[in-house]
Amino acid sequence: MSEGERKDEERSKKLVKAGVAVGIGSAAIVAALLYASKIKKPKKGGGGPQA
């Protein structure tokens, strides 16, 4: 294997790792936003005690 091929392979591995990291980060952000939107919404028809 030539030096150029080895560098290409290393670069490819780094790009795959970066892509996986971006995908996981994006999924984490989406999950956090969905979780936050569920918590902030008040329940419909579940008002407090009525006087």
PDB file of N, CA and C in Angstrom:
ATOM      1  N   MET A   1       0.868  -1.190   0.000  1.00  0.00           N
ATOM      2  CA  MET A   1       0.000   0.000   0.000  1.00  0.00           C
ATOM      3  C   MET A   1       0.901   1.235   0.000  1.00  0.00           C
ATOM      4  N   SER A   2       0.656   2.166  -0.906  1.00  0.00           N
ATOM      5  CA  SER A   2       1.491   3.358  -0.991  1.00  0.00           C
ATOM      6  C   SER A   2       1.118   4.354   0.098  1.00  0.00           C
ATOM      7  N   GLU A   3       2.003   5.320   0.275  1.00  0.00           N
ATOM      8  CA  GLU A   3       1.776   6.333   1.317  1.00  0.00           C
ATOM      9  C   GLU A   3       0.524   7.164   1.028  1.00  0.00           C
ATOM     10  N   GLY A   4       0.278   7.445  -0.239  1.00  0.00           N
ATOM     11  CA  GLY A   4      -0.906   8.209  -0.620  1.00  0.00           C
ATOM     12  C   GLY A   4      -2.191   7.468  -0.313  1.00  0.00           C
ATOM     13  N   GLU A   5      -2.198   6.157  -0.577  1.00  0.00           N
ATOM     14  CA  GLU A   5      -3.389   5.358  -0.267  1.00  0.00           C
ATOM     15  C   GLU A   5      -3.636   5.295   1.227  1.00  0.00           C
ATOM     16  N   ARG A   6      -2.562   5.201   1.989  1.00  0.00           N
ATOM     17  CA  ARG A   6      -2.687   5.142   3.453  1.00  0.00           C
ATOM     18  C   ARG A   6      -3.284   6.456   3.992  1.00  0.00           C
ATOM     19  N   LYS A   7      -2.817   7.580   3.444  1.00  0.00           N
ATOM     20  CA  LYS A   7      -3.347   8.878   3.879  1.00  0.00           C
ATOM     21  C   LYS A   7      -4.823   9.014   3.511  1.00  0.00           C
ATOM     22  N   ASP A   8      -5.187   8.533   2.325  1.00  0.00           N
ATOM     23  CA  ASP A   8      -6.591   8.582   1.905  1.00  0.00           C
ATOM     24  C   ASP A   8      -7.467   7.746   2.837  1.00  0.00           C
ATOM     25  N   GLU A   9      -6.956   6.579   3.229  1.00  0.00           N
ATOM     26  CA  GLU A   9      -7.719   5.703   4.116  1.00  0.00           C
ATOM     27  C   GLU A   9      -7.887   6.339   5.494  1.00  0.00           C
ATOM     28  N   GLU A  10      -6.825   6.953   6.008  1.00  0.00           N
ATOM     29  CA  GLU A  10      -6.911   7.626   7.314  1.00  0.00           C
ATOM     30  C   GLU A  10      -7.905   8.789   7.254  1.00  0.00           C
ATOM     31  N   ARG A  11      -7.845   9.541   6.159  1.00  0.00           N
ATOM     32  CA  ARG A  11      -8.763  10.674   5.993  1.00  0.00           C
ATOM     33  C   ARG A  11     -10.205  10.178   5.934  1.00  0.00           C
ATOM     34  N   SER A  12     -10.419   9.087   5.217  1.00  0.00           N
ATOM     35  CA  SER A  12     -11.755   8.520   5.101  1.00  0.00           C
ATOM     36  C   SER A  12     -12.279   8.086   6.468  1.00  0.00           C
ATOM     37  N   LYS A  13     -11.442   7.447   7.265  1.00  0.00           N
ATOM     38  CA  LYS A  13     -11.856   7.018   8.606  1.00  0.00           C
ATOM     39  C   LYS A  13     -12.212   8.210   9.475  1.00  0.00           C
ATOM     40  N   LYS A  14     -11.415   9.285   9.377  1.00  0.00           N
ATOM     41  CA  LYS A  14     -11.694  10.487  10.170  1.00  0.00           C
ATOM     42  C   LYS A  14     -13.025  11.107   9.757  1.00  0.00           C
ATOM     43  N   LEU A  15     -13.297  11.125   8.449  1.00  0.00           N
ATOM     44  CA  LEU A  15     -14.547  11.699   7.968  1.00  0.00           C
ATOM     45  C   LEU A  15     -15.747  10.875   8.424  1.00  0.00           C
ATOM     46  N   VAL A  16     -15.588   9.553   8.438  1.00  0.00           N
ATOM     47  CA  VAL A  16     -16.681   8.696   8.904  1.00  0.00           C
ATOM     48  C   VAL A  16     -16.939   8.958  10.382  1.00  0.00           C
ATOM     49  N   LYS A  17     -15.880   9.055  11.183  1.00  0.00           N
ATOM     50  CA  LYS A  17     -16.043   9.334  12.615  1.00  0.00           C
ATOM     51  C   LYS A  17     -16.714  10.685  12.827  1.00  0.00           C
ATOM     52  N   ALA A  18     -16.308  11.687  12.041  1.00  0.00           N
ATOM     53  CA  ALA A  18     -16.919  13.010  12.161  1.00  0.00           C
ATOM     54  C   ALA A  18     -18.391  12.962  11.782  1.00  0.00           C
ATOM     55  N   GLY A  19     -18.722  12.215  10.742  1.00  0.00           N
ATOM     56  CA  GLY A  19     -20.114  12.086  10.321  1.00  0.00           C
ATOM     57  C   GLY A  19     -20.967  11.417  11.381  1.00  0.00           C
ATOM     58  N   VAL A  20     -20.422  10.373  11.990  1.00  0.00           N
ATOM     59  CA  VAL A  20     -21.158   9.694  13.059  1.00  0.00           C
ATOM     60  C   VAL A  20     -21.373  10.636  14.231  1.00  0.00           C
ATOM     61  N   ALA A  21     -20.336  11.393  14.584  1.00  0.00           N
ATOM     62  CA  ALA A  21     -20.452  12.331  15.703  1.00  0.00           C
ATOM     63  C   ALA A  21     -21.517  13.392  15.425  1.00  0.00           C
ATOM     64  N   VAL A  22     -21.548  13.908  14.212  1.00  0.00           N
ATOM     65  CA  VAL A  22     -22.552  14.910  13.848  1.00  0.00           C
ATOM     66  C   VAL A  22     -23.950  14.307  13.910  1.00  0.00           C
ATOM     67  N   GLY A  23     -24.097  13.084  13.440  1.00  0.00           N
ATOM     68  CA  GLY A  23     -25.401  12.418  13.475  1.00  0.00           C
ATOM     69  C   GLY A  23     -25.896  12.204  14.895  1.00  0.00           C
ATOM     70  N   ILE A  24     -24.998  11.754  15.772  1.00  0.00           N
ATOM     71  CA  ILE A  24     -25.379  11.531  17.167  1.00  0.00           C
ATOM     72  C   ILE A  24     -25.721  12.867  17.836  1.00  0.00           C
ATOM     73  N   GLY A  25     -24.934  13.886  17.562  1.00  0.00           N
ATOM     74  CA  GLY A  25     -25.199  15.207  18.141  1.00  0.00           C
ATOM     75  C   GLY A  25     -26.536  15.765  17.684  1.00  0.00           C
ATOM     76  N   SER A  26     -26.830  15.587  16.409  1.00  0.00           N
ATOM     77  CA  SER A  26     -28.109  16.067  15.880  1.00  0.00           C
ATOM     78  C   SER A  26     -29.274  15.333  16.527  1.00  0.00           C
ATOM     79  N   ALA A  27     -29.136  14.035  16.684  1.00  0.00           N
ATOM     80  CA  ALA A  27     -30.200  13.257  17.315  1.00  0.00           C
ATOM     81  C   ALA A  27     -30.399  13.691  18.767  1.00  0.00           C
ATOM     82  N   ALA A  28     -29.303  13.996  19.447  1.00  0.00           N
ATOM     83  CA  ALA A  28     -29.402  14.439  20.841  1.00  0.00           C
ATOM     84  C   ALA A  28     -30.117  15.789  20.935  1.00  0.00           C
ATOM     85  N   ILE A  29     -29.823  16.685  20.008  1.00  0.00           N
ATOM     86  CA  ILE A  29     -30.475  17.994  20.007  1.00  0.00           C
ATOM     87  C   ILE A  29     -31.967  17.847  19.736  1.00  0.00           C
ATOM     88  N   VAL A  30     -32.327  17.016  18.764  1.00  0.00           N
ATOM     89  CA  VAL A  30     -33.742  16.801  18.448  1.00  0.00           C
ATOM     90  C   VAL A  30     -34.463  16.208  19.652  1.00  0.00           C
ATOM     91  N   ALA A  31     -33.837  15.227  20.295  1.00  0.00           N
ATOM     92  CA  ALA A  31     -34.460  14.608  21.466  1.00  0.00           C
ATOM     93  C   ALA A  31     -34.646  15.629  22.586  1.00  0.00           C
ATOM     94  N   ALA A  32     -33.655  16.481  22.800  1.00  0.00           N
ATOM     95  CA  ALA A  32     -33.763  17.497  23.848  1.00  0.00           C
ATOM     96  C   ALA A  32     -34.873  18.493  23.534  1.00  0.00           C
ATOM     97  N   LEU A  33     -35.002  18.887  22.286  1.00  0.00           N
ATOM     98  CA  LEU A  33     -36.064  19.827  21.905  1.00  0.00           C
ATOM     99  C   LEU A  33     -37.442  19.197  22.068  1.00  0.00           C
ATOM    100  N   LEU A  34     -37.573  17.940  21.680  1.00  0.00           N
ATOM    101  CA  LEU A  34     -38.863  17.266  21.850  1.00  0.00           C
ATOM    102  C   LEU A  34     -39.217  17.139  23.324  1.00  0.00           C
ATOM    103  N   TYR A  35     -38.241  16.791  24.143  1.00  0.00           N
ATOM    104  CA  TYR A  35     -38.469  16.656  25.581  1.00  0.00           C
ATOM    105  C   TYR A  35     -38.866  17.998  26.190  1.00  0.00           C
ATOM    106  N   ALA A  36     -38.153  19.060  25.795  1.00  0.00           N
ATOM    107  CA  ALA A  36     -38.449  20.394  26.331  1.00  0.00           C
ATOM    108  C   ALA A  36     -39.840  20.852  25.906  1.00  0.00           C
ATOM    109  N   SER A  37     -40.244  20.545  24.687  1.00  0.00           N
ATOM    110  CA  SER A  37     -41.558  20.994  24.229  1.00  0.00           C
ATOM    111  C   SER A  37     -42.669  20.250  24.962  1.00  0.00           C
ATOM    112  N   LYS A  38     -42.438  19.021  25.372  1.00  0.00           N
ATOM    113  CA  LYS A  38     -43.452  18.281  26.138  1.00  0.00           C
ATOM    114  C   LYS A  38     -43.597  18.866  27.531  1.00  0.00           C
ATOM    115  N   ILE A  39     -42.518  19.276  28.138  1.00  0.00           N
ATOM    116  CA  ILE A  39     -42.558  19.759  29.521  1.00  0.00           C
ATOM    117  C   ILE A  39     -43.241  21.127  29.610  1.00  0.00           C
ATOM    118  N   LYS A  40     -43.018  21.987  28.613  1.00  0.00           N
ATOM    119  CA  LYS A  40     -43.527  23.355  28.690  1.00  0.00           C
ATOM    120  C   LYS A  40     -45.026  23.442  28.429  1.00  0.00           C
ATOM    121  N   LYS A  41     -45.597  22.500  27.715  1.00  0.00           N
ATOM    122  CA  LYS A  41     -47.010  22.576  27.344  1.00  0.00           C
ATOM    123  C   LYS A  41     -47.887  22.245  28.560  1.00  0.00           C
ATOM    124  N   PRO A  42     -48.807  23.124  28.909  1.00  0.00           N
ATOM    125  CA  PRO A  42     -49.737  22.800  30.007  1.00  0.00           C
ATOM    126  C   PRO A  42     -50.754  21.769  29.534  1.00  0.00           C
ATOM    127  N   LYS A  43     -51.277  21.006  30.476  1.00  0.00           N
ATOM    128  CA  LYS A  43     -52.286  20.011  30.122  1.00  0.00           C
ATOM    129  C   LYS A  43     -53.596  20.700  29.770  1.00  0.00           C
ATOM    130  N   LYS A  44     -54.250  20.227  28.752  1.00  0.00           N
ATOM    131  CA  LYS A  44     -55.526  20.818  28.341  1.00  0.00           C
ATOM    132  C   LYS A  44     -56.622  20.358  29.289  1.00  0.00           C
ATOM    133  N   GLY A  45     -57.426  21.305  29.759  1.00  0.00           N
ATOM    134  CA  GLY A  45     -58.555  20.979  30.616  1.00  0.00           C
ATOM    135  C   GLY A  45     -58.158  20.590  32.030  1.00  0.00           C
ATOM    136  N   GLY A  46     -56.904  20.695  32.326  1.00  0.00           N
ATOM    137  CA  GLY A  46     -56.458  20.291  33.673  1.00  0.00           C
ATOM    138  C   GLY A  46     -56.141  21.507  34.507  1.00  0.00           C
ATOM    139  N   GLY A  47     -57.033  22.469  34.520  1.00  0.00           N
ATOM    140  CA  GLY A  47     -56.812  23.687  35.275  1.00  0.00           C
ATOM    141  C   GLY A  47     -56.729  23.434  36.775  1.00  0.00           C
ATOM    142  N   GLY A  48     -56.325  24.425  37.493  1.00  0.00           N
ATOM    143  CA  GLY A  48     -56.196  24.299  38.944  1.00  0.00           C
ATOM    144  C   GLY A  48     -57.538  24.199  39.623  1.00  0.00           C
ATOM    145  N   PRO A  49     -57.530  24.241  40.941  1.00  0.00           N
ATOM    146  CA  PRO A  49     -58.799  24.159  41.694  1.00  0.00           C
ATOM    147  C   PRO A  49     -59.705  25.341  41.378  1.00  0.00           C
ATOM    148  N   GLN A  50     -60.979  25.049  41.246  1.00  0.00           N
ATOM    149  CA  GLN A  50     -61.933  26.099  40.918  1.00  0.00           C
ATOM    150  C   GLN A  50     -62.681  26.505  42.178  1.00  0.00           C
ATOM    151  N   ALA A  51     -62.849  27.819  42.329  1.00  0.00           N
ATOM    152  CA  ALA A  51     -63.532  28.336  43.536  1.00  0.00           C
ATOM    153  C   ALA A  51     -65.002  28.525  43.313  1.00  0.00           C
TER     154      ALA A  51
END
